[in-house]
PDB file of N, CA and C in Angstrom:
ATOM      1  N   MET A   1     108.555 104.026 222.512  1.00  0.00           N
ATOM      2  CA  MET A   1     107.298 103.409 222.216  1.00  0.00           C
ATOM      3  C   MET A   1     107.493 102.460 221.033  1.00  0.00           C
ATOM      4  N   GLY A   2     106.796 101.399 221.048  1.00  0.00           N
ATOM      5  CA  GLY A   2     106.893 100.436 219.966  1.00  0.00           C
ATOM      6  C   GLY A   2     105.532  99.863 219.647  1.00  0.00           C
ATOM      7  N   ILE A   3     105.547  98.951 218.745  1.00  0.00           N
ATOM      8  CA  ILE A   3     104.320  98.276 218.344  1.00  0.00           C
ATOM      9  C   ILE A   3     104.029  97.206 219.381  1.00  0.00           C
ATOM     10  N   SER A   4     102.791  97.148 219.787  1.00  0.00           N
ATOM     11  CA  SER A   4     102.440  96.118 220.760  1.00  0.00           C
ATOM     12  C   SER A   4     102.346  94.766 220.070  1.00  0.00           C
ATOM     13  N   ILE A   5     102.529  93.724 220.815  1.00  0.00           N
ATOM     14  CA  ILE A   5     102.541  92.369 220.265  1.00  0.00           C
ATOM     15  C   ILE A   5     101.191  91.992 219.665  1.00  0.00           C
ATOM     16  N   PRO A   6     100.050  92.293 220.292  1.00  0.00           N
ATOM     17  CA  PRO A   6      98.778  91.934 219.648  1.00  0.00           C
ATOM     18  C   PRO A   6      98.566  92.630 218.304  1.00  0.00           C
ATOM     19  N   SER A   7      98.977  93.885 218.172  1.00  0.00           N
ATOM     20  CA  SER A   7      98.782  94.555 216.878  1.00  0.00           C
ATOM     21  C   SER A   7      99.751  94.009 215.835  1.00  0.00           C
ATOM     22  N   ALA A   8     100.936  93.577 216.253  1.00  0.00           N
ATOM     23  CA  ALA A   8     101.885  92.968 215.319  1.00  0.00           C
ATOM     24  C   ALA A   8     101.347  91.632 214.821  1.00  0.00           C
ATOM     25  N   ARG A   9     100.760  90.849 215.730  1.00  0.00           N
ATOM     26  CA  ARG A   9     100.161  89.570 215.319  1.00  0.00           C
ATOM     27  C   ARG A   9      99.013  89.805 214.347  1.00  0.00           C
ATOM     28  N   GLY A  10      98.220  90.818 214.624  1.00  0.00           N
ATOM     29  CA  GLY A  10      97.103  91.138 213.727  1.00  0.00           C
ATOM     30  C   GLY A  10      97.597  91.544 212.345  1.00  0.00           C
ATOM     31  N   GLY A  11      98.685  92.301 212.319  1.00  0.00           N
ATOM     32  CA  GLY A  11      99.269  92.703 211.037  1.00  0.00           C
ATOM     33  C   GLY A  11      99.796  91.508 210.266  1.00  0.00           C
ATOM     34  N   LEU A  12     100.418  90.571 210.983  1.00  0.00           N
ATOM     35  CA  LEU A  12     100.910  89.360 210.325  1.00  0.00           C
ATOM     36  C   LEU A  12      99.764  88.500 209.813  1.00  0.00           C
ATOM     37  N   ARG A  13      98.694  88.424 210.595  1.00  0.00           N
ATOM     38  CA  ARG A  13      97.519  87.661 210.145  1.00  0.00           C
ATOM     39  C   ARG A  13      96.931  88.285 208.889  1.00  0.00           C
ATOM     40  N   LEU A  14      96.833  89.610 208.893  1.00  0.00           N
ATOM     41  CA  LEU A  14      96.278  90.316 207.743  1.00  0.00           C
ATOM     42  C   LEU A  14      97.159  90.118 206.511  1.00  0.00           C
ATOM     43  N   ALA A  15      98.467  90.181 206.681  1.00  0.00           N
ATOM     44  CA  ALA A  15      99.391  89.966 205.565  1.00  0.00           C
ATOM     45  C   ALA A  15      99.277  88.534 205.053  1.00  0.00           C
ATOM     46  N   GLY A  16      99.175  87.568 205.949  1.00  0.00           N
ATOM     47  CA  GLY A  16      99.014  86.168 205.552  1.00  0.00           C
ATOM     48  C   GLY A  16      97.721  85.945 204.797  1.00  0.00           C
ATOM     49  N   LEU A  17      96.651  86.566 205.270  1.00  0.00           N
ATOM     50  CA  LEU A  17      95.358  86.444 204.599  1.00  0.00           C
ATOM     51  C   LEU A  17      95.417  87.071 203.214  1.00  0.00           C
ATOM     52  N   ALA A  18      96.054  88.225 203.108  1.00  0.00           N
ATOM     53  CA  ALA A  18      96.179  88.883 201.806  1.00  0.00           C
ATOM     54  C   ALA A  18      96.986  88.021 200.838  1.00  0.00           C
ATOM     55  N   LEU A  19      98.062  87.419 201.324  1.00  0.00           N
ATOM     56  CA  LEU A  19      98.882  86.537 200.491  1.00  0.00           C
ATOM     57  C   LEU A  19      98.093  85.307 200.050  1.00  0.00           C
ATOM     58  N   LEU A  20      97.319  84.738 200.963  1.00  0.00           N
ATOM     59  CA  LEU A  20      96.492  83.583 200.634  1.00  0.00           C
ATOM     60  C   LEU A  20      95.465  83.937 199.567  1.00  0.00           C
ATOM     61  N   LEU A  21      94.789  85.067 199.720  1.00  0.00           N
ATOM     62  CA  LEU A  21      93.793  85.487 198.735  1.00  0.00           C
ATOM     63  C   LEU A  21      94.435  85.767 197.379  1.00  0.00           C
ATOM     64  N   LEU A  22      95.590  86.381 197.383  1.00  0.00           N
ATOM     65  CA  LEU A  22      96.291  86.658 196.140  1.00  0.00           C
ATOM     66  C   LEU A  22      96.674  85.363 195.432  1.00  0.00           C
ATOM     67  N   THR A  23      97.143  84.394 196.205  1.00  0.00           N
ATOM     68  CA  THR A  23      97.515  83.101 195.633  1.00  0.00           C
ATOM     69  C   THR A  23      96.302  82.389 195.068  1.00  0.00           C
ATOM     70  N   LEU A  24      95.206  82.387 195.800  1.00  0.00           N
ATOM     71  CA  LEU A  24      93.999  81.708 195.328  1.00  0.00           C
ATOM     72  C   LEU A  24      93.433  82.360 194.080  1.00  0.00           C
ATOM     73  N   CYS A  25      93.598  83.655 193.938  1.00  0.00           N
ATOM     74  CA  CYS A  25      93.098  84.347 192.748  1.00  0.00           C
ATOM     75  C   CYS A  25      94.046  84.170 191.560  1.00  0.00           C
ATOM     76  N   ALA A  26      95.337  84.063 191.815  1.00  0.00           N
ATOM     77  CA  ALA A  26      96.314  83.986 190.739  1.00  0.00           C
ATOM     78  C   ALA A  26      96.414  82.586 190.142  1.00  0.00           C
ATOM     79  N   VAL A  27      96.212  81.551 190.922  1.00  0.00           N
ATOM     80  CA  VAL A  27      96.393  80.177 190.444  1.00  0.00           C
ATOM     81  C   VAL A  27      95.471  79.848 189.271  1.00  0.00           C
ATOM     82  N   PRO A  28      94.165  80.124 189.327  1.00  0.00           N
ATOM     83  CA  PRO A  28      93.328  79.787 188.174  1.00  0.00           C
ATOM     84  C   PRO A  28      93.695  80.563 186.915  1.00  0.00           C
ATOM     85  N   VAL A  29      94.213  81.750 187.080  1.00  0.00           N
ATOM     86  CA  VAL A  29      94.572  82.559 185.924  1.00  0.00           C
ATOM     87  C   VAL A  29      95.855  82.042 185.279  1.00  0.00           C
ATOM     88  N   LEU A  30      96.812  81.598 186.075  1.00  0.00           N
ATOM     89  CA  LEU A  30      98.104  81.192 185.556  1.00  0.00           C
ATOM     90  C   LEU A  30      98.136  79.765 185.027  1.00  0.00           C
ATOM     91  N   LEU A  31      97.288  78.900 185.527  1.00  0.00           N
ATOM     92  CA  LEU A  31      97.281  77.514 185.064  1.00  0.00           C
ATOM     93  C   LEU A  31      96.510  77.400 183.756  1.00  0.00           C
ATOM     94  N   PRO A  32      96.953  76.524 182.857  1.00  0.00           N
ATOM     95  CA  PRO A  32      96.208  76.361 181.610  1.00  0.00           C
ATOM     96  C   PRO A  32      94.856  75.705 181.877  1.00  0.00           C
ATOM     97  N   SER A  33      93.884  76.142 181.136  1.00  0.00           N
ATOM     98  CA  SER A  33      92.543  75.617 181.347  1.00  0.00           C
ATOM     99  C   SER A  33      92.356  74.320 180.572  1.00  0.00           C
ATOM    100  N   PRO A  34      91.447  73.467 181.031  1.00  0.00           N
ATOM    101  CA  PRO A  34      91.172  72.240 180.285  1.00  0.00           C
ATOM    102  C   PRO A  34      90.560  72.531 178.918  1.00  0.00           C
ATOM    103  N   ALA A  35      89.973  73.704 178.759  1.00  0.00           N
ATOM    104  CA  ALA A  35      89.362  74.062 177.484  1.00  0.00           C
ATOM    105  C   ALA A  35      90.400  74.391 176.424  1.00  0.00           C
ATOM    106  N   ALA A  36      91.654  74.601 176.824  1.00  0.00           N
ATOM    107  CA  ALA A  36      92.697  74.950 175.863  1.00  0.00           C
ATOM    108  C   ALA A  36      92.883  73.839 174.838  1.00  0.00           C
ATOM    109  N   ALA A  37      92.845  72.594 175.252  1.00  0.00           N
ATOM    110  CA  ALA A  37      92.987  71.476 174.318  1.00  0.00           C
ATOM    111  C   ALA A  37      91.805  71.413 173.369  1.00  0.00           C
ATOM    112  N   GLN A  38      90.636  71.761 173.831  1.00  0.00           N
ATOM    113  CA  GLN A  38      89.460  71.746 172.980  1.00  0.00           C
ATOM    114  C   GLN A  38      89.525  72.866 171.944  1.00  0.00           C
ATOM    115  N   ASP A  39      90.205  73.951 172.261  1.00  0.00           N
ATOM    116  CA  ASP A  39      90.348  75.047 171.317  1.00  0.00           C
ATOM    117  C   ASP A  39      91.139  74.608 170.094  1.00  0.00           C
ATOM    118  N   TYR A  40      92.135  73.746 170.264  1.00  0.00           N
ATOM    119  CA  TYR A  40      92.918  73.271 169.134  1.00  0.00           C
ATOM    120  C   TYR A  40      92.024  72.534 168.131  1.00  0.00           C
ATOM    121  N   GLU A  41      91.090  71.765 168.635  1.00  0.00           N
ATOM    122  CA  GLU A  41      90.247  70.977 167.753  1.00  0.00           C
ATOM    123  C   GLU A  41      89.289  71.845 166.937  1.00  0.00           C
ATOM    124  N   ALA A  42      89.031  73.050 167.401  1.00  0.00           N
ATOM    125  CA  ALA A  42      88.132  73.948 166.679  1.00  0.00           C
ATOM    126  C   ALA A  42      88.881  74.818 165.677  1.00  0.00           C
ATOM    127  N   MET A  43      90.198  74.750 165.644  1.00  0.00           N
ATOM    128  CA  MET A  43      90.989  75.610 164.765  1.00  0.00           C
ATOM    129  C   MET A  43      90.985  75.119 163.327  1.00  0.00           C
ATOM    130  N   MET A  44      91.187  76.059 162.433  1.00  0.00           N
ATOM    131  CA  MET A  44      91.360  75.747 161.020  1.00  0.00           C
ATOM    132  C   MET A  44      92.786  75.224 160.826  1.00  0.00           C
ATOM    133  N   PRO A  45      93.038  74.505 159.725  1.00  0.00           N
ATOM    134  CA  PRO A  45      94.375  73.936 159.514  1.00  0.00           C
ATOM    135  C   PRO A  45      95.505  74.975 159.521  1.00  0.00           C
ATOM    136  N   GLU A  46      95.278  76.164 158.964  1.00  0.00           N
ATOM    137  CA  GLU A  46      96.334  77.179 158.927  1.00  0.00           C
ATOM    138  C   GLU A  46      96.707  77.627 160.343  1.00  0.00           C
ATOM    139  N   ALA A  47      95.697  77.821 161.175  1.00  0.00           N
ATOM    140  CA  ALA A  47      95.949  78.216 162.568  1.00  0.00           C
ATOM    141  C   ALA A  47      96.654  77.092 163.328  1.00  0.00           C
ATOM    142  N   LEU A  48      96.254  75.854 163.058  1.00  0.00           N
ATOM    143  CA  LEU A  48      96.916  74.716 163.693  1.00  0.00           C
ATOM    144  C   LEU A  48      98.383  74.632 163.272  1.00  0.00           C
ATOM    145  N   LYS A  49      98.645  74.935 161.999  1.00  0.00           N
ATOM    146  CA  LYS A  49     100.017  74.885 161.515  1.00  0.00           C
ATOM    147  C   LYS A  49     100.870  75.930 162.233  1.00  0.00           C
ATOM    148  N   ARG A  50     100.323  77.126 162.462  1.00  0.00           N
ATOM    149  CA  ARG A  50     101.057  78.153 163.206  1.00  0.00           C
ATOM    150  C   ARG A  50     101.318  77.700 164.637  1.00  0.00           C
ATOM    151  N   GLU A  51     100.304  77.107 165.276  1.00  0.00           N
ATOM    152  CA  GLU A  51     100.482  76.600 166.642  1.00  0.00           C
ATOM    153  C   GLU A  51     101.509  75.473 166.679  1.00  0.00           C
ATOM    154  N   LEU A  52     101.502  74.630 165.652  1.00  0.00           N
ATOM    155  CA  LEU A  52     102.468  73.535 165.560  1.00  0.00           C
ATOM    156  C   LEU A  52     103.879  74.084 165.455  1.00  0.00           C
ATOM    157  N   ARG A  53     104.078  75.081 164.629  1.00  0.00           N
ATOM    158  CA  ARG A  53     105.406  75.686 164.499  1.00  0.00           C
ATOM    159  C   ARG A  53     105.860  76.318 165.820  1.00  0.00           C
ATOM    160  N   HIS A  54     104.932  76.958 166.496  1.00  0.00           N
ATOM    161  CA  HIS A  54     105.249  77.565 167.794  1.00  0.00           C
ATOM    162  C   HIS A  54     105.644  76.478 168.799  1.00  0.00           C
ATOM    163  N   ALA A  55     104.900  75.387 168.828  1.00  0.00           N
ATOM    164  CA  ALA A  55     105.193  74.287 169.746  1.00  0.00           C
ATOM    165  C   ALA A  55     106.538  73.642 169.411  1.00  0.00           C
ATOM    166  N   GLU A  56     106.836  73.483 168.120  1.00  0.00           N
ATOM    167  CA  GLU A  56     108.121  72.908 167.722  1.00  0.00           C
ATOM    168  C   GLU A  56     109.278  73.824 168.110  1.00  0.00           C
ATOM    169  N   ASN A  57     109.094  75.136 167.968  1.00  0.00           N
ATOM    170  CA  ASN A  57     110.129  76.082 168.379  1.00  0.00           C
ATOM    171  C   ASN A  57     110.351  76.031 169.889  1.00  0.00           C
ATOM    172  N   ASP A  58     109.279  75.937 170.662  1.00  0.00           N
ATOM    173  CA  ASP A  58     109.404  75.816 172.112  1.00  0.00           C
ATOM    174  C   ASP A  58     110.157  74.543 172.486  1.00  0.00           C
ATOM    175  N   TYR A  59     109.846  73.447 171.797  1.00  0.00           N
ATOM    176  CA  TYR A  59     110.528  72.175 172.057  1.00  0.00           C
ATOM    177  C   TYR A  59     112.014  72.293 171.721  1.00  0.00           C
ATOM    178  N   ARG A  60     112.320  72.904 170.588  1.00  0.00           N
ATOM    179  CA  ARG A  60     113.714  73.081 170.182  1.00  0.00           C
ATOM    180  C   ARG A  60     114.486  73.921 171.205  1.00  0.00           C
ATOM    181  N   ASP A  61     113.850  74.987 171.694  1.00  0.00           N
ATOM    182  CA  ASP A  61     114.486  75.817 172.725  1.00  0.00           C
ATOM    183  C   ASP A  61     114.734  75.024 174.001  1.00  0.00           C
ATOM    184  N   ALA A  62     113.775  74.169 174.364  1.00  0.00           N
ATOM    185  CA  ALA A  62     113.929  73.349 175.571  1.00  0.00           C
ATOM    186  C   ALA A  62     115.072  72.356 175.407  1.00  0.00           C
ATOM    187  N   ILE A  63     115.200  71.773 174.227  1.00  0.00           N
ATOM    188  CA  ILE A  63     116.297  70.831 173.968  1.00  0.00           C
ATOM    189  C   ILE A  63     117.641  71.554 174.030  1.00  0.00           C
ATOM    190  N   HIS A  64     117.708  72.770 173.505  1.00  0.00           N
ATOM    191  CA  HIS A  64     118.952  73.545 173.599  1.00  0.00           C
ATOM    192  C   HIS A  64     119.298  73.827 175.061  1.00  0.00           C
ATOM    193  N   ALA A  65     118.287  74.109 175.878  1.00  0.00           N
ATOM    194  CA  ALA A  65     118.524  74.350 177.308  1.00  0.00           C
ATOM    195  C   ALA A  65     119.027  73.081 177.990  1.00  0.00           C
ATOM    196  N   VAL A  66     118.471  71.924 177.617  1.00  0.00           N
ATOM    197  CA  VAL A  66     118.937  70.643 178.170  1.00  0.00           C
ATOM    198  C   VAL A  66     120.391  70.413 177.787  1.00  0.00           C
ATOM    199  N   ASN A  67     120.715  70.644 176.519  1.00  0.00           N
ATOM    200  CA  ASN A  67     122.096  70.444 176.068  1.00  0.00           C
ATOM    201  C   ASN A  67     123.063  71.385 176.787  1.00  0.00           C
ATOM    202  N   ALA A  68     122.653  72.628 176.993  1.00  0.00           N
ATOM    203  CA  ALA A  68     123.509  73.590 177.693  1.00  0.00           C
ATOM    204  C   ALA A  68     123.718  73.172 179.152  1.00  0.00           C
ATOM    205  N   ALA A  69     122.649  72.726 179.809  1.00  0.00           N
ATOM    206  CA  ALA A  69     122.763  72.297 181.209  1.00  0.00           C
ATOM    207  C   ALA A  69     123.621  71.042 181.317  1.00  0.00           C
ATOM    208  N   THR A  70     123.499  70.142 180.358  1.00  0.00           N
ATOM    209  CA  THR A  70     124.318  68.933 180.364  1.00  0.00           C
ATOM    210  C   THR A  70     125.793  69.281 180.157  1.00  0.00           C
ATOM    211  N   ALA A  71     126.056  70.197 179.231  1.00  0.00           N
ATOM    212  CA  ALA A  71     127.439  70.624 178.990  1.00  0.00           C
ATOM    213  C   ALA A  71     128.019  71.309 180.232  1.00  0.00           C
ATOM    214  N   GLU A  72     127.190  72.094 180.913  1.00  0.00           N
ATOM    215  CA  GLU A  72     127.643  72.748 182.143  1.00  0.00           C
ATOM    216  C   GLU A  72     127.979  71.709 183.207  1.00  0.00           C
ATOM    217  N   ARG A  73     127.158  70.677 183.331  1.00  0.00           N
ATOM    218  CA  ARG A  73     127.415  69.631 184.317  1.00  0.00           C
ATOM    219  C   ARG A  73     128.712  68.902 184.005  1.00  0.00           C
ATOM    220  N   ILE A  74     128.925  68.588 182.734  1.00  0.00           N
ATOM    221  CA  ILE A  74     130.154  67.882 182.339  1.00  0.00           C
ATOM    222  C   ILE A  74     131.381  68.755 182.629  1.00  0.00           C
ATOM    223  N   ALA A  75     131.269  70.041 182.331  1.00  0.00           N
ATOM    224  CA  ALA A  75     132.393  70.947 182.579  1.00  0.00           C
ATOM    225  C   ALA A  75     132.687  71.071 184.075  1.00  0.00           C
ATOM    226  N   ARG A  76     131.648  71.154 184.873  1.00  0.00           N
ATOM    227  CA  ARG A  76     131.854  71.272 186.324  1.00  0.00           C
ATOM    228  C   ARG A  76     132.419  69.975 186.905  1.00  0.00           C
ATOM    229  N   LYS A  77     131.963  68.839 186.351  1.00  0.00           N
ATOM    230  CA  LYS A  77     132.487  67.568 186.833  1.00  0.00           C
ATOM    231  C   LYS A  77     133.975  67.448 186.490  1.00  0.00           C
ATOM    232  N   ALA A  78     134.330  67.899 185.286  1.00  0.00           N
ATOM    233  CA  ALA A  78     135.742  67.856 184.885  1.00  0.00           C
ATOM    234  C   ALA A  78     136.584  68.802 185.732  1.00  0.00           C
ATOM    235  N   ALA A  79     135.971  69.889 186.209  1.00  0.00           N
ATOM    236  CA  ALA A  79     136.690  70.850 187.050  1.00  0.00           C
ATOM    237  C   ALA A  79     136.787  70.385 188.492  1.00  0.00           C
ATOM    238  N   GLY A  80     136.121  69.278 188.810  1.00  0.00           N
ATOM    239  CA  GLY A  80     136.202  68.724 190.158  1.00  0.00           C
ATOM    240  C   GLY A  80     135.182  69.298 191.119  1.00  0.00           C
ATOM    241  N   ALA A  81     133.980  69.496 190.657  1.00  0.00           N
ATOM    242  CA  ALA A  81     132.921  70.055 191.501  1.00  0.00           C
ATOM    243  C   ALA A  81     132.496  69.041 192.558  1.00  0.00           C
ATOM    244  N   ALA A  82     131.902  69.562 193.621  1.00  0.00           N
ATOM    245  CA  ALA A  82     131.437  68.716 194.724  1.00  0.00           C
ATOM    246  C   ALA A  82     130.201  67.919 194.292  1.00  0.00           C
ATOM    247  N   GLU A  83     129.957  66.826 194.990  1.00  0.00           N
ATOM    248  CA  GLU A  83     128.812  65.964 194.676  1.00  0.00           C
ATOM    249  C   GLU A  83     127.480  66.697 194.818  1.00  0.00           C
ATOM    250  N   ASP A  84     127.365  67.570 195.811  1.00  0.00           N
ATOM    251  CA  ASP A  84     126.125  68.320 196.003  1.00  0.00           C
ATOM    252  C   ASP A  84     125.837  69.213 194.802  1.00  0.00           C
ATOM    253  N   GLU A  85     126.877  69.842 194.305  1.00  0.00           N
ATOM    254  CA  GLU A  85     126.711  70.723 193.143  1.00  0.00           C
ATOM    255  C   GLU A  85     126.317  69.911 191.911  1.00  0.00           C
ATOM    256  N   LEU A  86     126.943  68.757 191.727  1.00  0.00           N
ATOM    257  CA  LEU A  86     126.602  67.893 190.593  1.00  0.00           C
ATOM    258  C   LEU A  86     125.185  67.355 190.715  1.00  0.00           C
ATOM    259  N   ARG A  87     124.773  67.036 191.939  1.00  0.00           N
ATOM    260  CA  ARG A  87     123.421  66.553 192.165  1.00  0.00           C
ATOM    261  C   ARG A  87     122.400  67.642 191.818  1.00  0.00           C
ATOM    262  N   ALA A  88     122.711  68.887 192.182  1.00  0.00           N
ATOM    263  CA  ALA A  88     121.822  70.010 191.857  1.00  0.00           C
ATOM    264  C   ALA A  88     121.733  70.205 190.344  1.00  0.00           C
ATOM    265  N   LEU A  89     122.860  70.038 189.670  1.00  0.00           N
ATOM    266  CA  LEU A  89     122.845  70.150 188.204  1.00  0.00           C
ATOM    267  C   LEU A  89     122.068  69.004 187.576  1.00  0.00           C
ATOM    268  N   ASP A  90     122.163  67.806 188.152  1.00  0.00           N
ATOM    269  CA  ASP A  90     121.378  66.672 187.667  1.00  0.00           C
ATOM    270  C   ASP A  90     119.881  66.947 187.795  1.00  0.00           C
ATOM    271  N   GLU A  91     119.483  67.547 188.909  1.00  0.00           N
ATOM    272  CA  GLU A  91     118.073  67.889 189.108  1.00  0.00           C
ATOM    273  C   GLU A  91     117.617  68.915 188.083  1.00  0.00           C
ATOM    274  N   LYS A  92     118.482  69.895 187.816  1.00  0.00           N
ATOM    275  CA  LYS A  92     118.158  70.916 186.825  1.00  0.00           C
ATOM    276  C   LYS A  92     117.976  70.284 185.448  1.00  0.00           C
ATOM    277  N   VAL A  93     118.885  69.388 185.079  1.00  0.00           N
ATOM    278  CA  VAL A  93     118.786  68.699 183.789  1.00  0.00           C
ATOM    279  C   VAL A  93     117.507  67.865 183.743  1.00  0.00           C
ATOM    280  N   GLY A  94     117.191  67.188 184.828  1.00  0.00           N
ATOM    281  CA  GLY A  94     115.975  66.380 184.885  1.00  0.00           C
ATOM    282  C   GLY A  94     114.718  67.217 184.700  1.00  0.00           C
ATOM    283  N   GLN A  95     114.666  68.378 185.327  1.00  0.00           N
ATOM    284  CA  GLN A  95     113.514  69.267 185.167  1.00  0.00           C
ATOM    285  C   GLN A  95     113.402  69.759 183.732  1.00  0.00           C
ATOM    286  N   LEU A  96     114.537  70.098 183.139  1.00  0.00           N
ATOM    287  CA  LEU A  96     114.514  70.567 181.755  1.00  0.00           C
ATOM    288  C   LEU A  96     114.092  69.454 180.791  1.00  0.00           C
ATOM    289  N   VAL A  97     114.535  68.235 181.060  1.00  0.00           N
ATOM    290  CA  VAL A  97     114.140  67.102 180.213  1.00  0.00           C
ATOM    291  C   VAL A  97     112.635  66.856 180.336  1.00  0.00           C
ATOM    292  N   THR A  98     112.112  66.929 181.545  1.00  0.00           N
ATOM    293  CA  THR A  98     110.675  66.747 181.742  1.00  0.00           C
ATOM    294  C   THR A  98     109.882  67.807 180.978  1.00  0.00           C
ATOM    295  N   LYS A  99     110.344  69.041 181.051  1.00  0.00           N
ATOM    296  CA  LYS A  99     109.685  70.126 180.319  1.00  0.00           C
ATOM    297  C   LYS A  99     109.744  69.860 178.816  1.00  0.00           C
ATOM    298  N   ALA A 100     110.906  69.431 178.318  1.00  0.00           N
ATOM    299  CA  ALA A 100     111.063  69.139 176.891  1.00  0.00           C
ATOM    300  C   ALA A 100     110.145  67.996 176.458  1.00  0.00           C
ATOM    301  N   GLU A 101     110.012  66.981 177.306  1.00  0.00           N
ATOM    302  CA  GLU A 101     109.127  65.864 176.977  1.00  0.00           C
ATOM    303  C   GLU A 101     107.683  66.320 176.853  1.00  0.00           C
ATOM    304  N   LYS A 102     107.248  67.168 177.769  1.00  0.00           N
ATOM    305  CA  LYS A 102     105.872  67.682 177.707  1.00  0.00           C
ATOM    306  C   LYS A 102     105.660  68.509 176.449  1.00  0.00           C
ATOM    307  N   LEU A 103     106.649  69.322 176.094  1.00  0.00           N
ATOM    308  CA  LEU A 103     106.532  70.129 174.880  1.00  0.00           C
ATOM    309  C   LEU A 103     106.507  69.252 173.637  1.00  0.00           C
ATOM    310  N   LYS A 104     107.275  68.169 173.634  1.00  0.00           N
ATOM    311  CA  LYS A 104     107.289  67.254 172.495  1.00  0.00           C
ATOM    312  C   LYS A 104     105.945  66.546 172.351  1.00  0.00           C
ATOM    313  N   ILE A 105     105.365  66.147 173.455  1.00  0.00           N
ATOM    314  CA  ILE A 105     104.048  65.499 173.415  1.00  0.00           C
ATOM    315  C   ILE A 105     103.021  66.457 172.833  1.00  0.00           C
ATOM    316  N   ASN A 106     103.063  67.718 173.277  1.00  0.00           N
ATOM    317  CA  ASN A 106     102.132  68.714 172.754  1.00  0.00           C
ATOM    318  C   ASN A 106     102.357  68.937 171.260  1.00  0.00           C
ATOM    319  N   ALA A 107     103.616  69.014 170.831  1.00  0.00           N
ATOM    320  CA  ALA A 107     103.919  69.215 169.415  1.00  0.00           C
ATOM    321  C   ALA A 107     103.447  68.028 168.578  1.00  0.00           C
ATOM    322  N   ASP A 108     103.650  66.816 169.083  1.00  0.00           N
ATOM    323  CA  ASP A 108     103.186  65.628 168.368  1.00  0.00           C
ATOM    324  C   ASP A 108     101.664  65.615 168.251  1.00  0.00           C
ATOM    325  N   TYR A 109     100.979  65.983 169.331  1.00  0.00           N
ATOM    326  CA  TYR A 109      99.524  66.049 169.310  1.00  0.00           C
ATOM    327  C   TYR A 109      99.053  67.052 168.258  1.00  0.00           C
ATOM    328  N   LEU A 110      99.675  68.220 168.230  1.00  0.00           N
ATOM    329  CA  LEU A 110      99.281  69.244 167.266  1.00  0.00           C
ATOM    330  C   LEU A 110      99.563  68.798 165.834  1.00  0.00           C
ATOM    331  N   GLU A 111     100.674  68.083 165.652  1.00  0.00           N
ATOM    332  CA  GLU A 111     100.997  67.603 164.309  1.00  0.00           C
ATOM    333  C   GLU A 111      99.956  66.597 163.813  1.00  0.00           C
ATOM    334  N   GLU A 112      99.584  65.665 164.668  1.00  0.00           N
ATOM    335  CA  GLU A 112      98.562  64.689 164.289  1.00  0.00           C
ATOM    336  C   GLU A 112      97.224  65.370 164.023  1.00  0.00           C
ATOM    337  N   LEU A 113      96.869  66.312 164.860  1.00  0.00           N
ATOM    338  CA  LEU A 113      95.614  67.034 164.677  1.00  0.00           C
ATOM    339  C   LEU A 113      95.648  67.850 163.396  1.00  0.00           C
ATOM    340  N   TYR A 114      96.784  68.485 163.093  1.00  0.00           N
ATOM    341  CA  TYR A 114      96.920  69.258 161.864  1.00  0.00           C
ATOM    342  C   TYR A 114      96.757  68.357 160.643  1.00  0.00           C
ATOM    343  N   GLU A 115      97.421  67.203 160.652  1.00  0.00           N
ATOM    344  CA  GLU A 115      97.320  66.293 159.515  1.00  0.00           C
ATOM    345  C   GLU A 115      95.887  65.811 159.317  1.00  0.00           C
ATOM    346  N   ALA A 116      95.190  65.511 160.392  1.00  0.00           N
ATOM    347  CA  ALA A 116      93.800  65.070 160.302  1.00  0.00           C
ATOM    348  C   ALA A 116      92.909  66.185 159.759  1.00  0.00           C
ATOM    349  N   LYS A 117      93.110  67.408 160.262  1.00  0.00           N
ATOM    350  CA  LYS A 117      92.304  68.550 159.800  1.00  0.00           C
ATOM    351  C   LYS A 117      92.591  68.858 158.341  1.00  0.00           C
ATOM    352  N   ALA A 118      93.851  68.769 157.930  1.00  0.00           N
ATOM    353  CA  ALA A 118      94.217  69.054 156.542  1.00  0.00           C
ATOM    354  C   ALA A 118      93.556  68.041 155.621  1.00  0.00           C
ATOM    355  N   LYS A 119      93.560  66.771 155.989  1.00  0.00           N
ATOM    356  CA  LYS A 119      92.897  65.744 155.177  1.00  0.00           C
ATOM    357  C   LYS A 119      91.397  65.991 155.124  1.00  0.00           C
ATOM    358  N   GLU A 120      90.831  66.367 156.263  1.00  0.00           N
ATOM    359  CA  GLU A 120      89.398  66.626 156.323  1.00  0.00           C
ATOM    360  C   GLU A 120      89.008  67.781 155.420  1.00  0.00           C
ATOM    361  N   TYR A 121      89.804  68.842 155.418  1.00  0.00           N
ATOM    362  CA  TYR A 121      89.464  70.004 154.592  1.00  0.00           C
ATOM    363  C   TYR A 121      89.746  69.752 153.115  1.00  0.00           C
ATOM    364  N   LYS A 122      90.710  68.904 152.797  1.00  0.00           N
ATOM    365  CA  LYS A 122      90.963  68.537 151.394  1.00  0.00           C
ATOM    366  C   LYS A 122      89.826  67.700 150.840  1.00  0.00           C
ATOM    367  N   ALA A 123      89.227  66.884 151.689  1.00  0.00           N
ATOM    368  CA  ALA A 123      88.138  66.001 151.264  1.00  0.00           C
ATOM    369  C   ALA A 123      86.859  66.787 150.967  1.00  0.00           C
ATOM    370  N   LYS A 124      86.729  67.971 151.544  1.00  0.00           N
ATOM    371  CA  LYS A 124      85.507  68.765 151.330  1.00  0.00           C
ATOM    372  C   LYS A 124      85.469  69.429 150.004  1.00  0.00           C
TER     373      LYS A 124
END
């Protein structure tokens, strides 16, 4: 005896529906909200300075990852790696550079906001 085909299809449909619902529920939670940028503007200078340091550390870590991936690519190229492997490493480096650029933009934004808030609070 085995599972009939209609009940197997129903099970697959149910699993697909469950996966779809899980994905739809998880996406809003995992993505940053547009209100996150507005939260920075409401922070006091000390809190902004902590966020700035955190953002700078994240950027520094991303740059170290880019340097490590670049060194790995150079080493593999010197070892005579195939073009496909080098292309995959190039894509990895490109993704890491994009991530580092986004982190740098965020750090620069926080730095400018911190400087503006610090001047504003000194003037009071």
